[in-house]
Amino acid sequence: MRKSPSPATGTKGVPRAEREAEILDAACREFGEQGYEHGSVARIATACDISRALVYEYFGSRDGLHERCVRAVGDPLVAAVTAAQTSPDPGGRAQATITAILAQLEERRSDWHVIYDPSLPREAAGYEPAQGYREKLNRLGAEGVRAVSDTGDALDLSLLTHLWYGTVSSTISWWQRHPDESAASLADRWHRLHVVR
């Protein structure tokens, strides 16, 4: 009978914290690229050269692993956008925000889709956390639009906010089709094209 790894030892001589981080990284990639519906624990295990049983031993279930991915992606993304919104120059907030989002996604561009995953069912453990992160990001976007807009018309603000969301999503979608483009170069390109004035 195989012994369970101790809290510090992990498996194959890999410290437990390091192994968990490795699994979580592979899982975020898998769920980001394949979605909740098609994400495979078998592929995650293969990417880490471990068994599926070990993935379950560390994270309890596929659903539990997915929820950890949602939180691992959502917390730093919201923190990055929040920090960008504190820019003292309201006119520079859009650029600061898109730069922060791209920088946060540089290592795993598919992380955006872990949060904005249309295949994520309501009964999934990660659904409520994902919704919470979407709401926070949307609220930050709406606050940013209000800060840079000189209109007081509610419908104008609603349309501008909708355009902002679409611009961010389209930028990330375009970026995934251009893997050689770095976060910094895309942020510069975005600024040069004056995507949002």
C-alpha atoms as a PDB file:
ATOM      1  CA  MET A   1       0.000   0.000   0.000  1.00  0.00           C
ATOM      2  CA  ARG A   2       1.423   3.385  -1.028  1.00  0.00           C
ATOM      3  CA  LYS A   3       1.907   5.855   1.780  1.00  0.00           C
ATOM      4  CA  SER A   4       0.381   9.290   1.482  1.00  0.00           C
ATOM      5  CA  PRO A   5       2.936  12.079   1.234  1.00  0.00           C
ATOM      6  CA  SER A   6       3.567  13.943   4.439  1.00  0.00           C
ATOM      7  CA  PRO A   7       2.598  17.637   4.530  1.00  0.00           C
ATOM      8  CA  ALA A   8       6.157  18.704   3.777  1.00  0.00           C
ATOM      9  CA  THR A   9       7.609  15.807   1.794  1.00  0.00           C
ATOM     10  CA  GLY A  10       5.366  15.515  -1.261  1.00  0.00           C
ATOM     11  CA  THR A  11       6.162  12.861  -3.880  1.00  0.00           C
ATOM     12  CA  LYS A  12       9.292  11.742  -5.749  1.00  0.00           C
ATOM     13  CA  GLY A  13      11.314  14.003  -3.489  1.00  0.00           C
ATOM     14  CA  VAL A  14       9.390  17.093  -4.617  1.00  0.00           C
ATOM     15  CA  PRO A  15       8.243  19.251  -1.662  1.00  0.00           C
ATOM     16  CA  ARG A  16       4.459  19.213  -1.260  1.00  0.00           C
ATOM     17  CA  ALA A  17       4.068  22.980  -1.768  1.00  0.00           C
ATOM     18  CA  GLU A  18       6.101  22.806  -4.972  1.00  0.00           C
ATOM     19  CA  ARG A  19       4.084  19.849  -6.265  1.00  0.00           C
ATOM     20  CA  GLU A  20       0.795  21.595  -5.489  1.00  0.00           C
ATOM     21  CA  ALA A  21       1.966  24.696  -7.336  1.00  0.00           C
ATOM     22  CA  GLU A  22       2.985  22.561 -10.322  1.00  0.00           C
ATOM     23  CA  ILE A  23      -0.412  20.835 -10.439  1.00  0.00           C
ATOM     24  CA  LEU A  24      -2.241  24.129 -10.034  1.00  0.00           C
ATOM     25  CA  ASP A  25      -0.281  25.716 -12.870  1.00  0.00           C
ATOM     26  CA  ALA A  26      -1.050  22.788 -15.184  1.00  0.00           C
ATOM     27  CA  ALA A  27      -4.708  22.838 -14.123  1.00  0.00           C
ATOM     28  CA  CYS A  28      -5.070  26.565 -14.776  1.00  0.00           C
ATOM     29  CA  ARG A  29      -3.677  26.032 -18.269  1.00  0.00           C
ATOM     30  CA  GLU A  30      -5.957  23.060 -18.886  1.00  0.00           C
ATOM     31  CA  PHE A  31      -9.154  24.726 -17.674  1.00  0.00           C
ATOM     32  CA  GLY A  32      -8.219  28.002 -19.365  1.00  0.00           C
ATOM     33  CA  GLU A  33      -7.620  26.323 -22.721  1.00  0.00           C
ATOM     34  CA  GLN A  34     -10.288  23.603 -22.598  1.00  0.00           C
ATOM     35  CA  GLY A  35     -12.913  25.137 -20.323  1.00  0.00           C
ATOM     36  CA  TYR A  36     -14.515  23.568 -17.283  1.00  0.00           C
ATOM     37  CA  GLU A  37     -16.594  21.230 -19.419  1.00  0.00           C
ATOM     38  CA  HIS A  38     -13.672  19.654 -21.281  1.00  0.00           C
ATOM     39  CA  GLY A  39     -10.821  20.112 -18.798  1.00  0.00           C
ATOM     40  CA  SER A  40      -9.144  16.769 -18.125  1.00  0.00           C
ATOM     41  CA  VAL A  41      -7.523  15.627 -14.885  1.00  0.00           C
ATOM     42  CA  ALA A  42      -5.724  12.960 -16.922  1.00  0.00           C
ATOM     43  CA  ARG A  43      -4.023  15.628 -19.060  1.00  0.00           C
ATOM     44  CA  ILE A  44      -3.175  17.648 -15.953  1.00  0.00           C
ATOM     45  CA  ALA A  45      -1.568  14.582 -14.356  1.00  0.00           C
ATOM     46  CA  THR A  46       0.339  13.772 -17.551  1.00  0.00           C
ATOM     47  CA  ALA A  47       1.657  17.334 -17.752  1.00  0.00           C
ATOM     48  CA  CYS A  48       3.038  16.917 -14.221  1.00  0.00           C
ATOM     49  CA  ASP A  49       4.257  13.314 -14.774  1.00  0.00           C
ATOM     50  CA  ILE A  50       2.131  12.041 -11.883  1.00  0.00           C
ATOM     51  CA  SER A  51      -0.963   9.875 -11.490  1.00  0.00           C
ATOM     52  CA  ARG A  52      -4.548  11.115 -11.481  1.00  0.00           C
ATOM     53  CA  ALA A  53      -4.866   9.599  -8.023  1.00  0.00           C
ATOM     54  CA  LEU A  54      -2.195  11.967  -6.764  1.00  0.00           C
ATOM     55  CA  VAL A  55      -4.029  14.979  -8.203  1.00  0.00           C
ATOM     56  CA  TYR A  56      -7.138  13.898  -6.289  1.00  0.00           C
ATOM     57  CA  GLU A  57      -5.072  13.234  -3.171  1.00  0.00           C
ATOM     58  CA  TYR A  58      -3.797  16.806  -3.220  1.00  0.00           C
ATOM     59  CA  PHE A  59      -6.975  18.610  -4.290  1.00  0.00           C
ATOM     60  CA  GLY A  60      -9.813  16.289  -3.334  1.00  0.00           C
ATOM     61  CA  SER A  61     -11.753  16.368  -6.601  1.00  0.00           C
ATOM     62  CA  ARG A  62     -11.746  17.760 -10.125  1.00  0.00           C
ATOM     63  CA  ASP A  63     -14.247  20.372  -8.977  1.00  0.00           C
ATOM     64  CA  GLY A  64     -12.097  21.320  -5.990  1.00  0.00           C
ATOM     65  CA  LEU A  65      -9.061  21.683  -8.239  1.00  0.00           C
ATOM     66  CA  HIS A  66     -11.011  23.896 -10.626  1.00  0.00           C
ATOM     67  CA  GLU A  67     -12.188  26.118  -7.773  1.00  0.00           C
ATOM     68  CA  ARG A  68      -8.579  26.528  -6.620  1.00  0.00           C
ATOM     69  CA  CYS A  69      -7.711  27.582 -10.178  1.00  0.00           C
ATOM     70  CA  VAL A  70     -10.474  30.195 -10.185  1.00  0.00           C
ATOM     71  CA  ARG A  71      -9.157  31.700  -6.944  1.00  0.00           C
ATOM     72  CA  ALA A  72      -5.514  31.454  -8.038  1.00  0.00           C
ATOM     73  CA  VAL A  73      -6.364  33.398 -11.194  1.00  0.00           C
ATOM     74  CA  GLY A  74      -8.961  35.788  -9.808  1.00  0.00           C
ATOM     75  CA  ASP A  75      -7.213  37.184  -6.734  1.00  0.00           C
ATOM     76  CA  PRO A  76      -4.098  38.541  -8.498  1.00  0.00           C
ATOM     77  CA  LEU A  77      -6.089  39.748 -11.509  1.00  0.00           C
ATOM     78  CA  VAL A  78      -8.462  41.801  -9.367  1.00  0.00           C
ATOM     79  CA  ALA A  79      -5.516  43.090  -7.317  1.00  0.00           C
ATOM     80  CA  ALA A  80      -3.679  44.200 -10.487  1.00  0.00           C
ATOM     81  CA  VAL A  81      -6.702  46.041 -11.882  1.00  0.00           C
ATOM     82  CA  THR A  82      -7.433  47.638  -8.500  1.00  0.00           C
ATOM     83  CA  ALA A  83      -3.865  48.939  -8.303  1.00  0.00           C
ATOM     84  CA  ALA A  84      -4.105  50.338 -11.846  1.00  0.00           C
ATOM     85  CA  GLN A  85      -7.272  52.234 -10.939  1.00  0.00           C
ATOM     86  CA  THR A  86      -5.371  54.245  -8.338  1.00  0.00           C
ATOM     87  CA  SER A  87      -3.466  56.079 -11.085  1.00  0.00           C
ATOM     88  CA  PRO A  88      -3.497  59.792 -10.147  1.00  0.00           C
ATOM     89  CA  ASP A  89      -4.145  60.695 -13.786  1.00  0.00           C
ATOM     90  CA  PRO A  90      -7.744  59.725 -14.654  1.00  0.00           C
ATOM     91  CA  GLY A  91      -6.904  59.979 -18.348  1.00  0.00           C
ATOM     92  CA  GLY A  92      -4.203  57.350 -17.964  1.00  0.00           C
ATOM     93  CA  ARG A  93      -6.350  54.789 -16.179  1.00  0.00           C
ATOM     94  CA  ALA A  94      -7.448  52.940 -19.294  1.00  0.00           C
ATOM     95  CA  GLN A  95      -3.851  52.443 -20.403  1.00  0.00           C
ATOM     96  CA  ALA A  96      -2.735  51.552 -16.871  1.00  0.00           C
ATOM     97  CA  THR A  97      -5.569  49.037 -16.576  1.00  0.00           C
ATOM     98  CA  ILE A  98      -4.984  47.264 -19.873  1.00  0.00           C
ATOM     99  CA  THR A  99      -1.236  47.203 -19.130  1.00  0.00           C
ATOM    100  CA  ALA A 100      -1.913  45.643 -15.714  1.00  0.00           C
ATOM    101  CA  ILE A 101      -4.254  43.012 -17.157  1.00  0.00           C
ATOM    102  CA  LEU A 102      -1.815  42.015 -19.887  1.00  0.00           C
ATOM    103  CA  ALA A 103       1.118  41.864 -17.470  1.00  0.00           C
ATOM    104  CA  GLN A 104      -0.872  39.640 -15.123  1.00  0.00           C
ATOM    105  CA  LEU A 105      -1.801  37.296 -17.975  1.00  0.00           C
ATOM    106  CA  GLU A 106       1.669  37.192 -19.555  1.00  0.00           C
ATOM    107  CA  GLU A 107       2.657  33.783 -18.181  1.00  0.00           C
ATOM    108  CA  ARG A 108      -0.737  32.124 -18.822  1.00  0.00           C
ATOM    109  CA  ARG A 109      -2.867  34.041 -21.285  1.00  0.00           C
ATOM    110  CA  SER A 110      -5.677  31.523 -20.974  1.00  0.00           C
ATOM    111  CA  ASP A 111      -6.219  32.528 -17.317  1.00  0.00           C
ATOM    112  CA  TRP A 112      -8.787  35.071 -18.507  1.00  0.00           C
ATOM    113  CA  HIS A 113     -10.981  32.172 -19.670  1.00  0.00           C
ATOM    114  CA  VAL A 114     -10.839  30.481 -16.281  1.00  0.00           C
ATOM    115  CA  ILE A 115     -12.865  33.424 -14.970  1.00  0.00           C
ATOM    116  CA  TYR A 116     -14.911  34.115 -18.106  1.00  0.00           C
ATOM    117  CA  ASP A 117     -15.796  30.510 -18.976  1.00  0.00           C
ATOM    118  CA  PRO A 118     -19.215  30.056 -20.624  1.00  0.00           C
ATOM    119  CA  SER A 119     -19.112  26.294 -19.970  1.00  0.00           C
ATOM    120  CA  LEU A 120     -18.928  26.740 -16.178  1.00  0.00           C
ATOM    121  CA  PRO A 121     -22.178  25.372 -14.681  1.00  0.00           C
ATOM    122  CA  ARG A 122     -23.938  26.974 -11.740  1.00  0.00           C
ATOM    123  CA  GLU A 123     -23.517  23.863  -9.619  1.00  0.00           C
ATOM    124  CA  ALA A 124     -19.707  23.893  -9.943  1.00  0.00           C
ATOM    125  CA  ALA A 125     -17.784  24.890  -6.826  1.00  0.00           C
ATOM    126  CA  GLY A 126     -15.930  27.532  -8.828  1.00  0.00           C
ATOM    127  CA  TYR A 127     -19.062  29.186 -10.218  1.00  0.00           C
ATOM    128  CA  GLU A 128     -19.755  31.595  -7.338  1.00  0.00           C
ATOM    129  CA  PRO A 129     -16.101  32.656  -6.956  1.00  0.00           C
ATOM    130  CA  ALA A 130     -15.844  33.218 -10.736  1.00  0.00           C
ATOM    131  CA  GLN A 131     -19.018  35.316 -10.657  1.00  0.00           C
ATOM    132  CA  GLY A 132     -17.595  37.313  -7.778  1.00  0.00           C
ATOM    133  CA  TYR A 133     -14.395  38.070  -9.681  1.00  0.00           C
ATOM    134  CA  ARG A 134     -16.358  39.044 -12.797  1.00  0.00           C
ATOM    135  CA  GLU A 135     -18.478  41.419 -10.756  1.00  0.00           C
ATOM    136  CA  LYS A 136     -15.410  42.987  -9.153  1.00  0.00           C
ATOM    137  CA  LEU A 137     -13.660  43.411 -12.513  1.00  0.00           C
ATOM    138  CA  ASN A 138     -16.819  44.793 -14.110  1.00  0.00           C
ATOM    139  CA  ARG A 139     -17.313  47.230 -11.237  1.00  0.00           C
ATOM    140  CA  LEU A 140     -13.711  48.404 -11.535  1.00  0.00           C
ATOM    141  CA  GLY A 141     -14.227  48.858 -15.272  1.00  0.00           C
ATOM    142  CA  ALA A 142     -17.386  50.891 -14.730  1.00  0.00           C
ATOM    143  CA  GLU A 143     -15.630  53.075 -12.137  1.00  0.00           C
ATOM    144  CA  GLY A 144     -12.758  53.641 -14.547  1.00  0.00           C
ATOM    145  CA  VAL A 145     -15.106  54.657 -17.337  1.00  0.00           C
ATOM    146  CA  ARG A 146     -16.885  57.131 -15.054  1.00  0.00           C
ATOM    147  CA  ALA A 147     -13.528  58.595 -14.022  1.00  0.00           C
ATOM    148  CA  VAL A 148     -12.467  59.371 -17.599  1.00  0.00           C
ATOM    149  CA  SER A 149     -15.845  60.307 -19.074  1.00  0.00           C
ATOM    150  CA  ASP A 150     -17.248  63.822 -19.113  1.00  0.00           C
ATOM    151  CA  THR A 151     -20.841  62.705 -19.681  1.00  0.00           C
ATOM    152  CA  GLY A 152     -23.478  62.508 -17.010  1.00  0.00           C
ATOM    153  CA  ASP A 153     -25.913  60.655 -19.213  1.00  0.00           C
ATOM    154  CA  ALA A 154     -26.603  57.201 -17.734  1.00  0.00           C
ATOM    155  CA  LEU A 155     -27.094  55.535 -21.114  1.00  0.00           C
ATOM    156  CA  ASP A 156     -23.892  57.086 -22.465  1.00  0.00           C
ATOM    157  CA  LEU A 157     -22.005  55.687 -19.477  1.00  0.00           C
ATOM    158  CA  SER A 158     -23.654  52.308 -19.927  1.00  0.00           C
ATOM    159  CA  LEU A 159     -22.626  52.178 -23.591  1.00  0.00           C
ATOM    160  CA  LEU A 160     -19.073  53.340 -22.857  1.00  0.00           C
ATOM    161  CA  THR A 161     -18.728  50.684 -20.151  1.00  0.00           C
ATOM    162  CA  HIS A 162     -20.026  48.023 -22.534  1.00  0.00           C
ATOM    163  CA  LEU A 163     -17.506  49.170 -25.160  1.00  0.00           C
ATOM    164  CA  TRP A 164     -14.716  48.974 -22.581  1.00  0.00           C
ATOM    165  CA  TYR A 165     -15.595  45.376 -21.670  1.00  0.00           C
ATOM    166  CA  GLY A 166     -15.685  44.450 -25.337  1.00  0.00           C
ATOM    167  CA  THR A 167     -12.354  46.143 -25.988  1.00  0.00           C
ATOM    168  CA  VAL A 168     -10.612  44.271 -23.184  1.00  0.00           C
ATOM    169  CA  SER A 169     -12.063  40.902 -24.209  1.00  0.00           C
ATOM    170  CA  SER A 170     -11.225  41.484 -27.883  1.00  0.00           C
ATOM    171  CA  THR A 171      -7.674  42.532 -27.020  1.00  0.00           C
ATOM    172  CA  ILE A 172      -7.082  39.333 -25.041  1.00  0.00           C
ATOM    173  CA  SER A 173      -8.675  37.214 -27.768  1.00  0.00           C
ATOM    174  CA  TRP A 174      -6.441  38.846 -30.409  1.00  0.00           C
ATOM    175  CA  TRP A 175      -3.396  38.324 -28.186  1.00  0.00           C
ATOM    176  CA  GLN A 176      -4.025  34.595 -27.956  1.00  0.00           C
ATOM    177  CA  ARG A 177      -3.875  34.389 -31.749  1.00  0.00           C
ATOM    178  CA  HIS A 178      -0.536  36.247 -31.752  1.00  0.00           C
ATOM    179  CA  PRO A 179       1.661  34.300 -29.314  1.00  0.00           C
ATOM    180  CA  ASP A 180       4.832  36.205 -30.245  1.00  0.00           C
ATOM    181  CA  GLU A 181       3.378  39.487 -28.989  1.00  0.00           C
ATOM    182  CA  SER A 182       4.564  40.277 -25.461  1.00  0.00           C
ATOM    183  CA  ALA A 183       2.398  41.988 -22.862  1.00  0.00           C
ATOM    184  CA  ALA A 184       4.548  45.117 -23.061  1.00  0.00           C
ATOM    185  CA  SER A 185       4.500  45.305 -26.855  1.00  0.00           C
ATOM    186  CA  LEU A 186       0.736  44.798 -26.982  1.00  0.00           C
ATOM    187  CA  ALA A 187       0.192  47.475 -24.342  1.00  0.00           C
ATOM    188  CA  ASP A 188       2.305  49.841 -26.460  1.00  0.00           C
ATOM    189  CA  ARG A 189       0.392  48.885 -29.593  1.00  0.00           C
ATOM    190  CA  TRP A 190      -2.899  49.395 -27.758  1.00  0.00           C
ATOM    191  CA  HIS A 191      -1.800  52.867 -26.639  1.00  0.00           C
ATOM    192  CA  ARG A 192      -0.507  53.772 -30.088  1.00  0.00           C
ATOM    193  CA  LEU A 193      -3.817  52.885 -31.685  1.00  0.00           C
ATOM    194  CA  HIS A 194      -5.764  54.882 -29.080  1.00  0.00           C
ATOM    195  CA  VAL A 195      -8.229  52.048 -28.648  1.00  0.00           C
ATOM    196  CA  VAL A 196     -10.006  53.923 -25.868  1.00  0.00           C
ATOM    197  CA  ARG A 197      -9.739  57.689 -25.632  1.00  0.00           C
END
